[in-house]
Amino acid sequence: MTTAGTTTPAAAGPAPAGLPPAMRLREVVFGAARAASVRAAVRLRIADVLGERPASLGELASAVDVEPDPLRRLLRSLACCQIFAETDDGRFRHTEMSRLLREDAPGSLRNIALWCTEPWTWEAWPLLDRAVRTGGCVVEEIHGKDFFAYLHEDAPESARVFDAAMTTSSRQSAADVAAFLDLDGVKEVVDIGGGQGQVLANVLEKHPALHGVLLDLPQVVAHADPRLRDGGPLASRATLVPGDCRREVPVEADLYLIKNILEWDDESTRRTLANVVAAARPGARVVVIENLVDHSPSSFTTAMDLLLLLNVGGRKHTEDSMRARMTEAGLNVTDVRPVNGTLHAFDSTVPAITPTARR
């Protein structure tokens, strides 16, 4: 036994590394239960109501309005993977991971956890073998329309979760990208498919002489970062352009920034790069920033690679495949460097003699 307030090893520790293969495989195939448990905890707001002191099961059950016994079973499942922990006197406390499910936590993963477990994902994952066999997405097969049309027309709550998750992801990497970029000699930067513009806003704050353009779908730029909109502190140096980069990039600039959007099907990726090259003047820079499956510190990127196959027929790239797509578009890739622990940047230039797509 341990002293009150500490964690019992059986409640919070991970599965022992020395488990036999059959048990390790069981741990893997029951992964859906763990994902569902995290989603349930987020939707019940357990992490938000649990404070800094351990709480009894009754206190937590009352706070989230559930029955105590099922709640204990849920918390036991989560404690097995170190999300929450049970003390030796039967109370529950936060762990480093459970704190990340709080809405107000720095670096919160609440929205990411919801996005990765939205209802449509549970319909799509069982068809992964079909996606692997055909190389195509299954969401369109299930719902009769492409993924983004399905989200915005048929699943508005999932669309809101998606927007929140992308905003969270961009906000957490925006400062790293702004610090990474060398903008010597750059007067105007375009953030292609930049979502609500957190990266662009951070870049403009860091470089007071810079002008920026945010290009994304109309319903996205309509809710751009308040710093970029009318009345915001960066509005005089920011232009919001509604559009689809897969159809056209109607902006000429010194630098084109493309972060985490070249993950669609290959044809969409090719069209986007071709449209950038067609819009850019010779010598303009194009910086592509992506998570790479061959430089990933965890299995999260490979899992997202498969999820992209399911929903848009897309992929997370390797360094070689991303370099190949950019070279095929006519870009001269000059450098590939890490931005942080999860992102890599491909720096390139538009050549003086442009490819057929530009003519």
Protein backbone atom coordinates (compact mmCIF):
# COMPACT_ATOMS: atom_id res chain seq x y z
CA MET A 1 0.00 0.00 0.00
CA THR A 2 1.03 3.60 -0.55
CA THR A 3 0.26 6.67 1.51
CA ALA A 4 -2.98 8.57 0.93
CA GLY A 5 -2.95 10.71 -2.18
CA THR A 6 -0.38 8.66 -4.05
CA THR A 7 -1.03 6.34 -6.96
CA THR A 8 -1.31 2.60 -6.70
CA PRO A 9 0.87 0.97 -9.37
CA ALA A 10 -1.95 -1.28 -10.58
CA ALA A 11 -4.26 1.69 -11.16
CA ALA A 12 -2.00 4.01 -13.11
CA GLY A 13 0.90 2.09 -14.55
CA PRO A 14 1.12 1.04 -18.21
CA ALA A 15 1.06 -2.60 -19.21
CA PRO A 16 4.37 -4.25 -18.31
CA ALA A 17 6.83 -4.37 -21.18
CA GLY A 18 7.38 -8.08 -20.60
CA LEU A 19 3.84 -9.13 -21.47
CA PRO A 20 3.68 -12.12 -23.85
CA PRO A 21 2.83 -11.41 -27.50
CA ALA A 22 -0.77 -12.60 -27.20
CA MET A 23 -1.46 -10.14 -24.38
CA ARG A 24 0.31 -7.29 -26.18
CA LEU A 25 -1.83 -7.99 -29.23
CA ARG A 26 -4.97 -7.91 -27.08
CA GLU A 27 -3.87 -4.51 -25.81
CA VAL A 28 -3.65 -3.28 -29.41
CA VAL A 29 -6.96 -4.67 -30.66
CA PHE A 30 -8.82 -3.16 -27.72
CA GLY A 31 -7.46 0.27 -28.65
CA ALA A 32 -10.94 1.39 -29.67
CA ALA A 33 -12.06 1.04 -26.05
CA ARG A 34 -9.31 3.40 -24.93
CA ALA A 35 -10.18 5.96 -27.60
CA ALA A 36 -13.85 5.73 -26.67
CA SER A 37 -12.98 6.16 -22.99
CA VAL A 38 -11.05 9.35 -23.71
CA ARG A 39 -13.95 10.69 -25.79
CA ALA A 40 -16.42 9.89 -23.01
CA ALA A 41 -14.23 11.64 -20.43
CA VAL A 42 -14.00 14.76 -22.61
CA ARG A 43 -17.73 14.87 -23.32
CA LEU A 44 -18.50 14.38 -19.62
CA ARG A 45 -15.95 17.12 -18.81
CA ILE A 46 -14.37 14.99 -16.08
CA ALA A 47 -10.98 16.67 -16.45
CA ASP A 48 -12.58 20.11 -16.20
CA VAL A 49 -14.43 19.42 -12.94
CA LEU A 50 -11.53 17.63 -11.25
CA GLY A 51 -9.42 20.17 -9.40
CA GLU A 52 -5.93 20.03 -7.99
CA ARG A 53 -6.91 17.88 -5.00
CA PRO A 54 -8.04 14.26 -5.41
CA ALA A 55 -11.83 13.85 -5.53
CA SER A 56 -13.99 10.99 -4.38
CA LEU A 57 -16.03 9.00 -6.85
CA GLY A 58 -19.20 10.46 -5.36
CA GLU A 59 -17.95 14.01 -5.79
CA LEU A 60 -17.03 13.42 -9.42
CA ALA A 61 -20.26 11.56 -10.20
CA SER A 62 -22.31 14.39 -8.75
CA ALA A 63 -20.30 17.05 -10.59
CA VAL A 64 -20.79 15.44 -14.01
CA ASP A 65 -24.28 14.05 -13.28
CA VAL A 66 -23.65 10.34 -13.83
CA GLU A 67 -24.03 7.14 -11.82
CA PRO A 68 -21.00 6.32 -9.65
CA ASP A 69 -20.49 2.69 -10.67
CA PRO A 70 -20.21 3.23 -14.47
CA LEU A 71 -18.00 6.27 -13.78
CA ARG A 72 -15.63 4.14 -11.71
CA ARG A 73 -15.40 1.65 -14.56
CA LEU A 74 -14.61 4.44 -17.03
CA LEU A 75 -11.98 5.98 -14.77
CA ARG A 76 -10.41 2.55 -14.13
CA SER A 77 -10.02 2.08 -17.89
CA LEU A 78 -8.41 5.49 -18.27
CA ALA A 79 -6.13 5.04 -15.25
CA CYS A 80 -4.69 1.90 -16.86
CA CYS A 81 -3.14 4.15 -19.52
CA GLN A 82 -2.19 6.91 -17.06
CA ILE A 83 -5.09 9.23 -17.88
CA PHE A 84 -6.25 10.07 -14.33
CA ALA A 85 -4.99 8.02 -11.41
CA GLU A 86 -6.67 6.31 -8.46
CA THR A 87 -5.23 6.81 -4.99
CA ASP A 88 -5.05 4.03 -2.44
CA ASP A 89 -8.05 5.49 -0.59
CA GLY A 90 -10.28 5.30 -3.69
CA ARG A 91 -10.13 8.90 -4.85
CA PHE A 92 -9.07 10.11 -8.29
CA ARG A 93 -6.52 12.72 -9.21
CA HIS A 94 -5.08 14.32 -12.31
CA THR A 95 -2.05 13.06 -14.23
CA GLU A 96 0.01 14.91 -16.82
CA MET A 97 -2.13 13.40 -19.59
CA SER A 98 -5.52 13.96 -17.99
CA ARG A 99 -4.70 17.65 -17.51
CA LEU A 100 -4.32 17.93 -21.29
CA LEU A 101 -8.04 17.09 -21.60
CA ARG A 102 -8.99 20.26 -19.71
CA GLU A 103 -10.40 22.99 -21.92
CA ASP A 104 -8.32 25.66 -20.18
CA ALA A 105 -5.02 23.74 -20.15
CA PRO A 106 -2.01 25.19 -21.96
CA GLY A 107 -1.50 22.91 -24.94
CA SER A 108 -4.93 21.32 -24.42
CA LEU A 109 -5.65 18.29 -26.60
CA ARG A 110 -9.37 18.29 -25.82
CA ASN A 111 -10.44 19.29 -29.35
CA ILE A 112 -7.94 16.92 -30.96
CA ALA A 113 -9.29 14.05 -28.84
CA LEU A 114 -12.84 14.83 -29.97
CA TRP A 115 -11.87 15.21 -33.62
CA CYS A 116 -10.07 11.86 -33.76
CA THR A 117 -13.11 10.10 -32.27
CA GLU A 118 -15.99 11.85 -34.06
CA PRO A 119 -18.94 9.60 -35.09
CA TRP A 120 -17.87 9.41 -38.72
CA THR A 121 -14.52 7.87 -37.70
CA TRP A 122 -16.29 4.86 -36.16
CA GLU A 123 -18.08 4.30 -39.48
CA ALA A 124 -14.89 4.62 -41.53
CA TRP A 125 -12.29 2.62 -39.58
CA PRO A 126 -13.98 -0.80 -40.16
CA LEU A 127 -13.58 -0.20 -43.90
CA LEU A 128 -9.81 0.33 -43.75
CA ASP A 129 -9.17 -2.95 -45.56
CA ARG A 130 -11.26 -1.68 -48.47
CA ALA A 131 -9.35 1.61 -48.53
CA VAL A 132 -6.04 -0.28 -48.53
CA ARG A 133 -7.26 -2.52 -51.34
CA THR A 134 -8.51 0.31 -53.57
CA GLY A 135 -6.30 3.20 -52.45
CA GLY A 136 -9.38 5.40 -52.22
CA CYS A 137 -11.33 7.12 -49.45
CA VAL A 138 -14.41 5.44 -47.98
CA VAL A 139 -16.22 8.47 -46.51
CA GLU A 140 -17.56 9.44 -49.93
CA GLU A 141 -18.73 5.86 -50.41
CA ILE A 142 -20.54 5.91 -47.06
CA HIS A 143 -22.13 9.36 -47.35
CA GLY A 144 -22.40 9.91 -51.09
CA LYS A 145 -20.35 13.13 -51.11
CA ASP A 146 -16.80 14.26 -50.48
CA PHE A 147 -15.62 14.61 -46.92
CA PHE A 148 -15.77 18.39 -46.53
CA ALA A 149 -19.20 18.59 -48.18
CA TYR A 150 -20.38 15.91 -45.76
CA LEU A 151 -18.97 17.81 -42.78
CA HIS A 152 -20.48 21.18 -43.61
CA GLU A 153 -23.80 19.93 -45.01
CA ASP A 154 -24.62 16.87 -42.91
CA ALA A 155 -22.48 16.97 -39.77
CA PRO A 156 -22.28 20.58 -38.53
CA GLU A 157 -21.20 19.55 -35.03
CA SER A 158 -18.32 17.54 -36.48
CA ALA A 159 -17.45 20.53 -38.65
CA ARG A 160 -17.25 22.72 -35.53
CA VAL A 161 -15.07 20.11 -33.82
CA PHE A 162 -12.84 19.98 -36.91
CA ASP A 163 -12.44 23.77 -36.99
CA ALA A 164 -11.67 23.84 -33.25
CA ALA A 165 -9.12 21.03 -33.59
CA MET A 166 -7.37 22.72 -36.51
CA THR A 167 -7.34 26.00 -34.60
CA THR A 168 -5.80 24.24 -31.59
CA SER A 169 -3.16 22.60 -33.77
CA SER A 170 -2.29 25.86 -35.54
CA ARG A 171 -2.18 27.85 -32.32
CA GLN A 172 0.23 25.39 -30.74
CA SER A 173 2.66 25.46 -33.68
CA ALA A 174 2.22 29.11 -34.73
CA ALA A 175 4.96 30.51 -32.51
CA ASP A 176 7.42 27.80 -33.64
CA VAL A 177 6.71 28.53 -37.32
CA ALA A 178 7.03 32.30 -36.83
CA ALA A 179 10.36 31.84 -35.04
CA PHE A 180 11.61 29.41 -37.69
CA LEU A 181 10.90 31.40 -40.86
CA ASP A 182 13.69 33.51 -42.31
CA LEU A 183 11.84 36.44 -43.91
CA ASP A 184 14.82 38.54 -44.92
CA GLY A 185 13.78 40.50 -48.02
CA VAL A 186 10.15 39.32 -47.87
CA LYS A 187 7.50 42.04 -48.06
CA GLU A 188 4.37 39.95 -48.55
CA VAL A 189 3.54 36.41 -47.42
CA VAL A 190 0.49 34.33 -48.37
CA ASP A 191 -0.73 31.61 -46.03
CA ILE A 192 -2.35 29.05 -48.34
CA GLY A 193 -5.18 27.15 -46.66
CA GLY A 194 -4.14 28.80 -43.42
CA GLY A 195 -7.39 28.21 -41.56
CA GLN A 196 -8.24 31.01 -39.19
CA GLY A 197 -4.77 32.49 -39.59
CA GLN A 198 -3.00 31.89 -36.27
CA VAL A 199 0.31 31.25 -38.04
CA LEU A 200 -0.06 34.32 -40.24
CA ALA A 201 -0.97 36.51 -37.25
CA ASN A 202 2.10 35.35 -35.33
CA VAL A 203 4.32 35.99 -38.35
CA LEU A 204 2.91 39.52 -38.78
CA GLU A 205 3.41 40.27 -35.08
CA LYS A 206 7.04 39.20 -35.32
CA HIS A 207 7.69 41.23 -38.51
CA PRO A 208 6.08 44.71 -38.27
CA ALA A 209 6.90 45.69 -41.87
CA LEU A 210 5.35 42.58 -43.41
CA HIS A 211 2.00 42.36 -45.20
CA GLY A 212 0.10 39.07 -45.11
CA VAL A 213 -2.67 37.35 -47.04
CA LEU A 214 -4.84 34.55 -45.69
CA LEU A 215 -6.39 32.31 -48.37
CA ASP A 216 -8.94 29.71 -47.33
CA LEU A 217 -12.53 28.66 -47.93
CA PRO A 218 -15.13 31.43 -47.44
CA GLN A 219 -16.66 29.86 -44.33
CA VAL A 220 -13.18 29.61 -42.80
CA VAL A 221 -11.84 33.12 -43.42
CA ALA A 222 -15.18 34.52 -42.25
CA HIS A 223 -14.08 33.42 -38.78
CA ALA A 224 -10.43 34.43 -39.07
CA ASP A 225 -8.29 35.26 -36.06
CA PRO A 226 -9.63 38.53 -34.56
CA ARG A 227 -6.15 40.05 -34.87
CA LEU A 228 -6.53 39.91 -38.68
CA ARG A 229 -10.12 41.12 -39.01
CA ASP A 230 -11.42 44.69 -39.19
CA GLY A 231 -10.63 46.45 -35.95
CA GLY A 232 -7.88 44.00 -35.06
CA PRO A 233 -4.31 45.18 -34.41
CA LEU A 234 -3.01 43.52 -37.60
CA ALA A 235 -5.94 44.34 -39.92
CA SER A 236 -4.10 47.11 -41.74
CA ARG A 237 -1.41 44.63 -42.80
CA ALA A 238 -3.66 41.67 -43.50
CA THR A 239 -5.88 40.73 -46.42
CA LEU A 240 -8.45 37.94 -46.16
CA VAL A 241 -9.10 36.16 -49.46
CA PRO A 242 -11.90 33.58 -49.67
CA GLY A 243 -11.12 30.83 -52.15
CA ASP A 244 -10.10 27.24 -52.80
CA CYS A 245 -6.38 26.77 -53.46
CA ARG A 246 -7.17 23.57 -55.37
CA ARG A 247 -8.93 25.72 -57.96
CA GLU A 248 -6.92 28.94 -57.97
CA VAL A 249 -4.35 30.94 -56.01
CA PRO A 250 -5.19 34.54 -57.01
CA VAL A 251 -2.32 36.23 -55.17
CA GLU A 252 1.22 37.18 -56.16
CA ALA A 253 3.68 37.42 -53.27
CA ASP A 254 7.29 36.97 -52.21
CA LEU A 255 6.60 33.94 -50.03
CA TYR A 256 3.90 31.27 -50.11
CA LEU A 257 3.42 29.34 -46.89
CA ILE A 258 1.66 25.94 -47.14
CA LYS A 259 1.28 24.21 -43.78
CA ASN A 260 -0.31 20.80 -43.22
CA ILE A 261 -2.71 20.92 -46.15
CA LEU A 262 -0.90 18.86 -48.80
CA GLU A 263 -2.47 15.77 -47.27
CA TRP A 264 -5.41 15.37 -49.64
CA ASP A 265 -5.52 12.97 -52.55
CA ASP A 266 -2.53 13.27 -54.86
CA GLU A 267 -4.46 15.10 -57.60
CA SER A 268 -5.57 17.83 -55.18
CA THR A 269 -2.00 18.18 -53.91
CA ARG A 270 -0.71 18.48 -57.47
CA ARG A 271 -3.34 21.09 -58.38
CA THR A 272 -2.57 23.17 -55.30
CA LEU A 273 1.17 23.23 -55.98
CA ALA A 274 0.58 23.92 -59.67
CA ASN A 275 -1.71 26.84 -58.79
CA VAL A 276 0.89 28.32 -56.47
CA VAL A 277 3.57 28.06 -59.13
CA ALA A 278 1.21 29.59 -61.71
CA ALA A 279 0.50 32.57 -59.44
CA ALA A 280 4.06 33.20 -58.26
CA ARG A 281 6.65 35.37 -59.91
CA PRO A 282 9.98 33.71 -60.79
CA GLY A 283 12.22 33.53 -57.76
CA ALA A 284 9.39 33.57 -55.22
CA ARG A 285 9.78 31.25 -52.25
CA VAL A 286 7.40 28.44 -51.40
CA VAL A 287 7.71 26.93 -47.92
CA VAL A 288 5.81 23.70 -47.27
CA ILE A 289 5.51 22.59 -43.63
CA GLU A 290 4.31 19.06 -42.85
CA ASN A 291 4.38 16.21 -40.35
CA LEU A 292 6.45 13.45 -41.93
CA VAL A 293 5.81 9.77 -41.25
CA ASP A 294 9.49 8.93 -41.58
CA HIS A 295 10.53 11.60 -39.05
CA SER A 296 7.74 11.09 -36.52
CA PRO A 297 8.53 10.46 -32.84
CA SER A 298 5.29 8.50 -32.26
CA SER A 299 2.64 6.39 -33.95
CA PHE A 300 0.20 9.33 -34.02
CA THR A 301 1.44 10.44 -37.46
CA THR A 302 1.12 6.97 -38.98
CA ALA A 303 -2.41 6.70 -37.52
CA MET A 304 -3.32 10.08 -39.02
CA ASP A 305 -1.87 8.85 -42.32
CA LEU A 306 -4.43 6.04 -42.34
CA LEU A 307 -7.27 8.34 -41.25
CA LEU A 308 -6.46 10.62 -44.19
CA LEU A 309 -6.66 7.61 -46.51
CA LEU A 310 -10.15 6.95 -45.18
CA ASN A 311 -11.62 10.43 -45.27
CA VAL A 312 -10.03 12.18 -48.26
CA GLY A 313 -7.90 9.53 -49.93
CA GLY A 314 -4.89 11.46 -48.66
CA ARG A 315 -1.63 10.75 -46.89
CA LYS A 316 1.01 11.98 -44.49
CA HIS A 317 4.16 12.31 -46.56
CA THR A 318 7.68 11.05 -46.22
CA GLU A 319 10.52 13.44 -46.93
CA ASP A 320 11.04 11.79 -50.31
CA SER A 321 7.38 11.85 -51.35
CA MET A 322 6.95 15.51 -50.39
CA ARG A 323 10.12 16.48 -52.20
CA ALA A 324 8.90 14.53 -55.25
CA ARG A 325 5.52 16.34 -55.32
CA MET A 326 7.21 19.72 -55.11
CA THR A 327 9.79 18.89 -57.76
CA GLU A 328 7.07 17.57 -60.07
CA ALA A 329 5.28 20.93 -59.72
CA GLY A 330 8.42 22.69 -60.93
CA LEU A 331 9.75 23.93 -57.61
CA ASN A 332 13.43 23.88 -56.77
CA VAL A 333 13.67 22.42 -53.25
CA THR A 334 16.66 24.04 -51.57
CA ASP A 335 16.45 22.89 -47.95
CA VAL A 336 14.57 20.57 -45.59
CA ARG A 337 14.81 21.29 -41.86
CA PRO A 338 12.87 20.51 -38.67
CA VAL A 339 10.68 23.31 -37.33
CA ASN A 340 10.08 21.54 -34.02
CA GLY A 341 9.74 17.96 -32.81
CA THR A 342 6.86 17.15 -35.16
CA LEU A 343 7.08 19.48 -38.17
CA HIS A 344 9.54 19.78 -41.07
CA ALA A 345 9.86 22.68 -43.50
CA PHE A 346 10.67 22.32 -47.22
CA ASP A 347 12.09 25.58 -48.58
CA SER A 348 11.88 26.01 -52.33
CA THR A 349 11.85 28.61 -55.10
CA VAL A 350 9.87 29.11 -58.26
CA PRO A 351 12.31 28.85 -61.19
CA ALA A 352 12.72 31.44 -63.91
CA ILE A 353 11.53 28.91 -66.51
CA THR A 354 8.19 27.71 -65.24
CA PRO A 355 6.51 24.37 -65.97
CA THR A 356 3.58 23.78 -68.27
CA ALA A 357 1.11 24.33 -65.40
CA ARG A 358 2.18 27.99 -65.29
CA ARG A 359 1.65 28.73 -68.96
